[in-house]
Amino acid sequence: MDHIAIDLGGRESQVCVRSADGQIKEERRVKTEELAAYLAKRPSGRVVMETCAQSFGLADAALAQGHQVRVVAATLVRSLGVGARRTKTDRRDAQVLSEVSCRIDLPSVHIPSTTSRQRKSMCGMRDVLVRTRTSLINSLRGWLRTQGQRLKIGSVKCFAERVRALYADQELPAYVERQLETLKLLMTQTEAADRELAELAKSDPVCRRLMTVPGVGPVTAVRFVAALDDVRRFAKAHAVESYLGLVPGEDSSSERKRRTSITKAGPSALRWTLVQAAWAARRCRRTDPMLLWAREVEKRRGRRVAILALARKLAGILFALWRDGSVYASERGASVMTA
C-alpha cells in the first residue's frame, strides 16, 4: 500500500508518495483543485494530510475513491517532526508525513459529514451577521454619546427607528444615515438567518428533542448536533463534556497537585452557546430541579462557577437525550434530588 502525503495549499499542494517500505516513489506539485482527479488515477492507498479548510472536502473525495484517509490534527504534526530544526517547506512537510505514516498508523481526527459541515457553516455565517450588527450598534451608540444623547433600553430590532425618533426634528449626518441603512439591511438578513435556523431545528427530530431542555433553543440544538455529528462517537456523557472543554484541567507535577479552570478544548462556539443556554435557563426556569441544583452550587462557589457547571450538565443531558431518543423530563432530576 502506498502512503500519499499531501501538504495542502491554497493554489498548489505538495504530494509525496512512498511505498510500504518507506522508499519515495513520487514527489510533485499539484494544483489543489486537481487533487481529487489525481487521487482518482492512483491505486488505493493511505492519504495523509493536516487539518485545514480544504482537508475534509478532499477527504470525502479520497474515501469515495477507495483510499484510506488520515487527517492529522494541526497540533500533532510538530511532534511528528514537521518544522523541525526551524526548517519548514511544503516538500519537507509532505516527506515527514509520508515517512511517519509508513512507520505508524497515524491517528486521524473525526471527518465530519457533509450535513455537519453545512450546519456549522450556517451557524458560523449567522454569527458573522450578528457580530457585524453589534459592531454597527456600538458605533452608533458611541456617536450618540459624543452628542450628549443616550437611548433608553429597548429591542435591538427597533434600534434604528429609535435613533431616528430621537432626531425627528433635525437631519442626521450622512455618515450616520449610511450606518442606519446598513443596520436595517443587516437586521433583515439576521432575521432571515434566524428563521432558517429555526426551521432547520424544527424539521430535525433530534433537534426537536434537544429543545425540550430548559434554555436550549434552535441555535444551541443545531450547533450541538453539528459538533458531535455522530452520537456513537462517545461512550458516555463525561466524554462529551471533556470534548467540549467544559471539564476542569490539571497542572500537576511531582508532589504539586493543581486543578485549573475548564480546559476550553473543542469547539469554542458551542461551548459559548451552552453557557448562554445556562444563563437563559437560570432566568426562565428557576424552579426546575436542574436549576435548583445549580443554585446550590452557586451558594458554595459563586455564580460564574455555577453557570459553567450548569453548561456542563446541559451538555451531558443533551447527549443522553440524543443517545436514548428521549425528551427532557424534569421529574428525573426531582427524584434524584429527593433520594
Protein backbone atom coordinates (compact mmCIF):
# COMPACT_ATOMS: atom_id res chain seq x y z
CA MET A 1 0.00 0.00 0.00
CA ASP A 2 1.32 3.44 -0.95
CA HIS A 3 1.37 6.29 1.55
CA ILE A 4 0.28 9.54 -0.13
CA ALA A 5 1.10 12.59 1.98
CA ILE A 6 -0.34 15.92 0.86
CA ASP A 7 0.70 19.32 2.17
CA LEU A 8 -2.35 21.34 1.18
CA GLY A 9 -2.04 24.88 -0.11
CA GLY A 10 -4.45 27.50 -1.36
CA ARG A 11 -3.45 27.19 -5.02
CA GLU A 12 -0.94 24.35 -5.20
CA SER A 13 -0.22 21.40 -2.93
CA GLN A 14 2.86 19.26 -2.44
CA VAL A 15 2.50 15.49 -2.81
CA CYS A 16 4.95 12.86 -1.55
CA VAL A 17 4.23 9.19 -2.28
CA ARG A 18 6.14 6.42 -0.50
CA SER A 19 5.90 2.67 -0.86
CA ALA A 20 5.20 0.47 2.16
CA ASP A 21 8.96 0.04 2.77
CA GLY A 22 9.45 3.81 3.02
CA GLN A 23 11.00 4.49 -0.37
CA ILE A 24 9.92 7.69 -2.11
CA LYS A 25 8.13 6.84 -5.35
CA GLU A 26 6.94 10.26 -6.43
CA GLU A 27 7.15 13.92 -5.47
CA ARG A 28 5.28 16.59 -7.34
CA ARG A 29 3.29 19.80 -7.12
CA VAL A 30 -0.40 19.52 -7.95
CA LYS A 31 -2.99 22.25 -8.25
CA THR A 32 -5.21 21.94 -5.18
CA GLU A 33 -8.38 21.92 -7.28
CA GLU A 34 -6.99 18.93 -9.25
CA LEU A 35 -6.09 16.76 -6.26
CA ALA A 36 -9.32 14.74 -6.38
CA ALA A 37 -8.66 13.86 -10.03
CA TYR A 38 -5.05 13.00 -9.18
CA LEU A 39 -6.12 10.60 -6.40
CA ALA A 40 -8.71 9.01 -8.69
CA LYS A 41 -5.91 7.90 -11.01
CA ARG A 42 -3.92 6.21 -8.25
CA PRO A 43 -4.48 2.72 -6.79
CA SER A 44 -5.96 2.56 -3.29
CA GLY A 45 -3.54 3.79 -0.66
CA ARG A 46 -3.40 5.78 2.53
CA VAL A 47 -3.88 9.52 2.09
CA VAL A 48 -2.38 11.65 4.89
CA MET A 49 -2.92 15.38 5.32
CA GLU A 50 -3.00 18.06 8.00
CA THR A 51 -6.26 19.67 9.14
CA CYS A 52 -7.11 22.83 7.21
CA ALA A 53 -10.00 24.42 5.34
CA GLN A 54 -9.73 22.08 2.33
CA SER A 55 -8.88 18.84 4.13
CA PHE A 56 -12.37 17.47 4.82
CA GLY A 57 -13.62 18.06 1.28
CA LEU A 58 -10.58 16.26 -0.11
CA ALA A 59 -11.02 13.51 2.49
CA ASP A 60 -14.55 12.89 1.20
CA ALA A 61 -13.25 12.60 -2.36
CA ALA A 62 -10.43 10.24 -1.32
CA LEU A 63 -12.77 7.98 0.66
CA ALA A 64 -15.19 7.83 -2.27
CA GLN A 65 -12.31 6.63 -4.45
CA GLY A 66 -11.41 3.80 -2.07
CA HIS A 67 -8.43 5.31 -0.26
CA GLN A 68 -7.80 5.19 3.47
CA VAL A 69 -7.68 8.71 4.90
CA ARG A 70 -5.85 10.15 7.90
CA VAL A 71 -6.48 13.82 8.68
CA VAL A 72 -3.87 14.66 11.29
CA ALA A 73 -4.58 17.37 13.88
CA ALA A 74 -2.52 20.50 13.32
CA THR A 75 -1.49 20.41 16.99
CA LEU A 76 0.11 16.98 16.45
CA VAL A 77 2.20 17.49 13.32
CA ARG A 78 5.01 19.38 15.07
CA SER A 79 5.59 16.46 17.40
CA LEU A 80 5.92 14.26 14.30
CA GLY A 81 8.80 16.38 13.00
CA VAL A 82 7.11 18.95 10.80
CA GLY A 83 9.12 22.19 11.06
CA ALA A 84 11.98 20.50 12.95
CA ARG A 85 15.26 22.46 13.23
CA ARG A 86 13.40 25.59 12.19
CA THR A 87 13.24 24.40 8.60
CA LYS A 88 9.76 24.20 7.15
CA THR A 89 8.91 23.84 3.49
CA ASP A 90 6.00 22.20 1.72
CA ARG A 91 8.28 19.47 0.36
CA ARG A 92 9.79 18.64 3.76
CA ASP A 93 6.35 18.65 5.41
CA ALA A 94 4.97 16.16 2.87
CA GLN A 95 8.08 13.99 3.24
CA VAL A 96 7.75 13.89 7.03
CA LEU A 97 4.05 12.99 6.95
CA SER A 98 4.58 10.20 4.44
CA GLU A 99 7.59 8.84 6.34
CA VAL A 100 5.74 8.76 9.67
CA SER A 101 2.70 7.14 8.01
CA CYS A 102 4.95 4.28 6.84
CA ARG A 103 6.04 3.62 10.43
CA ILE A 104 2.82 4.02 12.39
CA ASP A 105 -0.91 4.23 11.81
CA LEU A 106 -1.35 7.95 12.35
CA PRO A 107 -4.36 9.00 14.44
CA SER A 108 -6.99 10.89 12.48
CA VAL A 109 -9.43 13.50 13.64
CA HIS A 110 -13.11 12.80 13.07
CA ILE A 111 -14.09 13.58 9.49
CA PRO A 112 -17.45 15.34 9.82
CA SER A 113 -20.28 14.51 7.47
CA THR A 114 -21.35 16.90 4.73
CA THR A 115 -24.50 17.71 6.70
CA SER A 116 -22.46 18.56 9.78
CA ARG A 117 -20.17 20.88 7.82
CA GLN A 118 -23.12 22.62 6.18
CA ARG A 119 -24.75 23.26 9.55
CA LYS A 120 -21.51 24.58 11.01
CA SER A 121 -21.19 26.95 8.05
CA MET A 122 -24.80 28.10 8.51
CA CYS A 123 -24.23 28.87 12.19
CA GLY A 124 -20.86 30.50 11.55
CA MET A 125 -22.22 32.82 8.88
CA ARG A 126 -25.12 33.78 11.11
CA ASP A 127 -22.59 34.64 13.81
CA VAL A 128 -20.82 36.99 11.38
CA LEU A 129 -24.09 38.82 10.75
CA VAL A 130 -24.77 39.13 14.48
CA ARG A 131 -21.23 40.39 15.22
CA THR A 132 -21.44 42.95 12.41
CA ARG A 133 -24.83 44.12 13.67
CA THR A 134 -23.42 44.51 17.18
CA SER A 135 -20.43 46.44 15.86
CA LEU A 136 -22.68 48.87 13.99
CA ILE A 137 -24.92 49.39 17.02
CA ASN A 138 -21.89 50.05 19.25
CA SER A 139 -20.55 52.54 16.70
CA LEU A 140 -23.86 54.41 16.65
CA ARG A 141 -24.13 54.39 20.42
CA GLY A 142 -20.63 55.88 20.60
CA TRP A 143 -21.63 58.66 18.21
CA LEU A 144 -24.75 59.39 20.27
CA ARG A 145 -22.62 59.79 23.39
CA THR A 146 -20.44 62.37 21.62
CA GLN A 147 -23.68 64.30 21.00
CA GLY A 148 -24.68 64.08 24.64
CA GLN A 149 -27.52 61.67 23.80
CA ARG A 150 -28.30 58.24 25.19
CA LEU A 151 -31.01 55.86 24.04
CA LYS A 152 -33.23 54.13 26.50
CA ILE A 153 -33.03 50.37 26.73
CA GLY A 154 -35.09 48.72 24.02
CA SER A 155 -35.21 45.98 21.44
CA VAL A 156 -32.30 45.64 19.03
CA LYS A 157 -34.77 45.25 16.17
CA CYS A 158 -36.05 48.81 16.54
CA PHE A 159 -32.68 50.46 17.29
CA ALA A 160 -32.54 52.43 14.02
CA GLU A 161 -36.11 53.66 14.47
CA ARG A 162 -35.33 54.85 17.99
CA VAL A 163 -32.29 56.79 16.76
CA ARG A 164 -34.33 58.47 14.03
CA ALA A 165 -37.12 59.26 16.51
CA LEU A 166 -34.55 60.95 18.75
CA TYR A 167 -33.55 63.23 15.85
CA ALA A 168 -37.02 63.60 14.34
CA ASP A 169 -36.75 67.39 14.26
CA GLN A 170 -33.33 67.57 12.59
CA GLU A 171 -31.41 65.90 9.78
CA LEU A 172 -28.91 63.21 10.62
CA PRO A 173 -25.38 63.45 9.18
CA ALA A 174 -24.82 61.42 6.01
CA TYR A 175 -22.25 59.15 7.69
CA VAL A 176 -24.77 58.27 10.42
CA GLU A 177 -27.56 57.72 7.91
CA ARG A 178 -25.34 55.27 5.99
CA GLN A 179 -24.80 53.19 9.08
CA LEU A 180 -28.52 53.21 9.92
CA GLU A 181 -29.38 51.99 6.40
CA THR A 182 -26.73 49.26 6.64
CA LEU A 183 -28.05 48.27 10.04
CA LYS A 184 -31.56 48.00 8.64
CA LEU A 185 -30.35 45.63 5.92
CA LEU A 186 -28.37 43.60 8.48
CA MET A 187 -31.45 43.28 10.67
CA THR A 188 -33.40 41.83 7.74
CA GLN A 189 -30.66 39.33 6.88
CA THR A 190 -30.10 38.32 10.51
CA GLU A 191 -33.81 37.67 10.97
CA ALA A 192 -33.79 35.56 7.79
CA ALA A 193 -30.84 33.56 9.16
CA ASP A 194 -32.68 33.06 12.46
CA ARG A 195 -35.79 31.82 10.65
CA GLU A 196 -33.70 29.44 8.54
CA LEU A 197 -32.06 28.02 11.64
CA ALA A 198 -35.38 27.70 13.46
CA GLU A 199 -36.95 25.86 10.51
CA LEU A 200 -33.98 23.51 10.34
CA ALA A 201 -34.22 22.72 14.06
CA LYS A 202 -37.97 22.18 13.78
CA SER A 203 -37.58 19.73 10.89
CA ASP A 204 -34.86 17.69 12.60
CA PRO A 205 -36.26 15.13 15.11
CA VAL A 206 -33.04 15.15 17.18
CA CYS A 207 -33.05 18.94 17.48
CA ARG A 208 -36.73 18.92 18.47
CA ARG A 209 -35.97 16.59 21.38
CA LEU A 210 -32.97 18.64 22.47
CA MET A 211 -35.06 21.82 22.54
CA THR A 212 -37.23 20.34 25.32
CA VAL A 213 -34.34 21.10 27.70
CA PRO A 214 -34.65 24.43 29.59
CA GLY A 215 -32.63 27.19 27.93
CA VAL A 216 -31.94 25.25 24.73
CA GLY A 217 -33.19 26.84 21.50
CA PRO A 218 -32.57 26.30 17.80
CA VAL A 219 -29.03 27.72 17.79
CA THR A 220 -27.83 25.51 20.66
CA ALA A 221 -29.57 22.41 19.31
CA VAL A 222 -28.24 22.76 15.76
CA ARG A 223 -24.72 23.58 16.94
CA PHE A 224 -24.70 20.60 19.30
CA VAL A 225 -25.84 18.14 16.63
CA ALA A 226 -23.38 19.60 14.10
CA ALA A 227 -20.43 19.42 16.51
CA LEU A 228 -21.00 15.84 17.69
CA ASP A 229 -22.13 14.69 14.22
CA ASP A 230 -22.43 11.04 15.29
CA VAL A 231 -23.56 10.33 18.85
CA ARG A 232 -21.94 6.88 18.71
CA ARG A 233 -18.52 8.50 18.77
CA PHE A 234 -18.85 9.00 22.54
CA ALA A 235 -19.19 6.26 25.14
CA LYS A 236 -20.69 8.42 27.87
CA ALA A 237 -21.69 11.96 28.80
CA HIS A 238 -18.36 12.72 30.52
CA ALA A 239 -16.57 12.11 27.21
CA VAL A 240 -18.78 14.73 25.54
CA GLU A 241 -18.18 17.23 28.35
CA SER A 242 -14.43 16.71 28.00
CA TYR A 243 -14.60 17.01 24.20
CA LEU A 244 -16.35 20.37 24.56
CA GLY A 245 -13.75 21.67 27.02
CA LEU A 246 -16.18 22.01 29.92
CA VAL A 247 -14.20 19.94 32.43
CA PRO A 248 -11.51 21.22 34.84
CA GLY A 249 -7.91 21.00 33.68
CA GLU A 250 -4.91 19.96 35.74
CA ASP A 251 -1.36 21.28 36.07
CA SER A 252 0.36 18.84 38.41
CA SER A 253 3.96 17.78 38.70
CA SER A 254 5.71 15.57 41.26
CA GLU A 255 4.16 16.38 44.64
CA ARG A 256 2.42 19.52 43.40
CA LYS A 257 -1.26 18.96 42.64
CA ARG A 258 -3.15 21.81 41.00
CA ARG A 259 -6.59 21.86 39.37
CA THR A 260 -7.19 24.62 36.86
CA SER A 261 -10.24 26.17 35.24
CA ILE A 262 -12.00 24.44 32.35
CA THR A 263 -9.77 23.22 29.53
CA LYS A 264 -11.61 25.15 26.78
CA ALA A 265 -10.78 22.39 24.31
CA GLY A 266 -13.02 21.59 21.36
CA PRO A 267 -15.45 23.90 19.53
CA SER A 268 -15.47 27.25 21.30
CA ALA A 269 -18.67 28.44 19.60
CA LEU A 270 -20.69 25.54 21.01
CA ARG A 271 -19.17 25.99 24.46
CA TRP A 272 -20.15 29.66 24.42
CA THR A 273 -23.66 28.73 23.25
CA LEU A 274 -24.09 26.22 26.08
CA VAL A 275 -23.04 28.86 28.60
CA GLN A 276 -25.63 31.26 27.14
CA ALA A 277 -28.24 28.47 27.34
CA ALA A 278 -27.36 28.03 31.01
CA TRP A 279 -27.91 31.76 31.64
CA ALA A 280 -31.26 31.59 29.80
CA ALA A 281 -32.38 28.59 31.84
CA ARG A 282 -31.36 30.36 35.05
CA ARG A 283 -33.55 33.34 34.16
CA CYS A 284 -36.60 31.48 32.86
CA ARG A 285 -36.82 28.13 34.68
CA ARG A 286 -35.92 28.93 38.26
CA THR A 287 -37.92 26.08 39.81
CA ASP A 288 -36.66 23.29 37.57
CA PRO A 289 -34.70 20.65 39.59
CA MET A 290 -31.68 21.19 37.36
CA LEU A 291 -31.71 24.89 38.23
CA LEU A 292 -32.23 24.19 41.93
CA TRP A 293 -29.08 22.06 41.79
CA ALA A 294 -27.22 24.95 40.12
CA ARG A 295 -28.44 27.32 42.86
CA GLU A 296 -26.85 25.11 45.49
CA VAL A 297 -23.57 25.16 43.58
CA GLU A 298 -23.85 28.95 43.35
CA LYS A 299 -24.16 29.25 47.13
CA ARG A 300 -20.87 27.39 47.58
CA ARG A 301 -18.80 28.51 44.59
CA GLY A 302 -20.37 31.65 43.14
CA ARG A 303 -22.48 32.45 40.12
CA ARG A 304 -19.89 32.05 37.36
CA VAL A 305 -18.77 28.61 38.52
CA ALA A 306 -22.41 27.55 38.86
CA ILE A 307 -23.17 28.64 35.29
CA LEU A 308 -20.20 26.66 33.94
CA ALA A 309 -21.32 23.65 35.97
CA LEU A 310 -24.82 24.02 34.54
CA ALA A 311 -23.44 24.30 30.99
CA ARG A 312 -21.51 21.08 31.57
CA LYS A 313 -24.66 19.38 32.87
CA LEU A 314 -26.60 20.63 29.84
CA ALA A 315 -24.03 19.03 27.53
CA GLY A 316 -24.44 15.70 29.34
CA ILE A 317 -28.24 15.91 29.25
CA LEU A 318 -28.31 16.75 25.54
CA PHE A 319 -26.05 13.80 24.80
CA ALA A 320 -28.24 11.44 26.83
CA LEU A 321 -31.43 12.62 25.10
CA TRP A 322 -29.86 12.12 21.68
CA ARG A 323 -28.44 8.72 22.60
CA ASP A 324 -31.65 7.41 24.18
CA GLY A 325 -34.11 9.00 21.74
CA SER A 326 -35.98 10.61 24.64
CA VAL A 327 -37.13 14.07 25.71
CA TYR A 328 -36.29 16.09 28.80
CA ALA A 329 -38.18 15.09 31.95
CA SER A 330 -37.64 17.31 34.98
CA GLU A 331 -39.18 14.57 37.18
CA ARG A 332 -35.99 12.53 36.83
CA GLY A 333 -33.99 15.37 38.30
CA ALA A 334 -36.53 15.77 41.11
CA SER A 335 -36.31 12.09 42.01
CA VAL A 336 -32.52 12.28 42.20
CA MET A 337 -32.65 15.32 44.48
CA THR A 338 -35.09 13.73 46.93
CA ALA A 339 -33.30 10.36 47.04
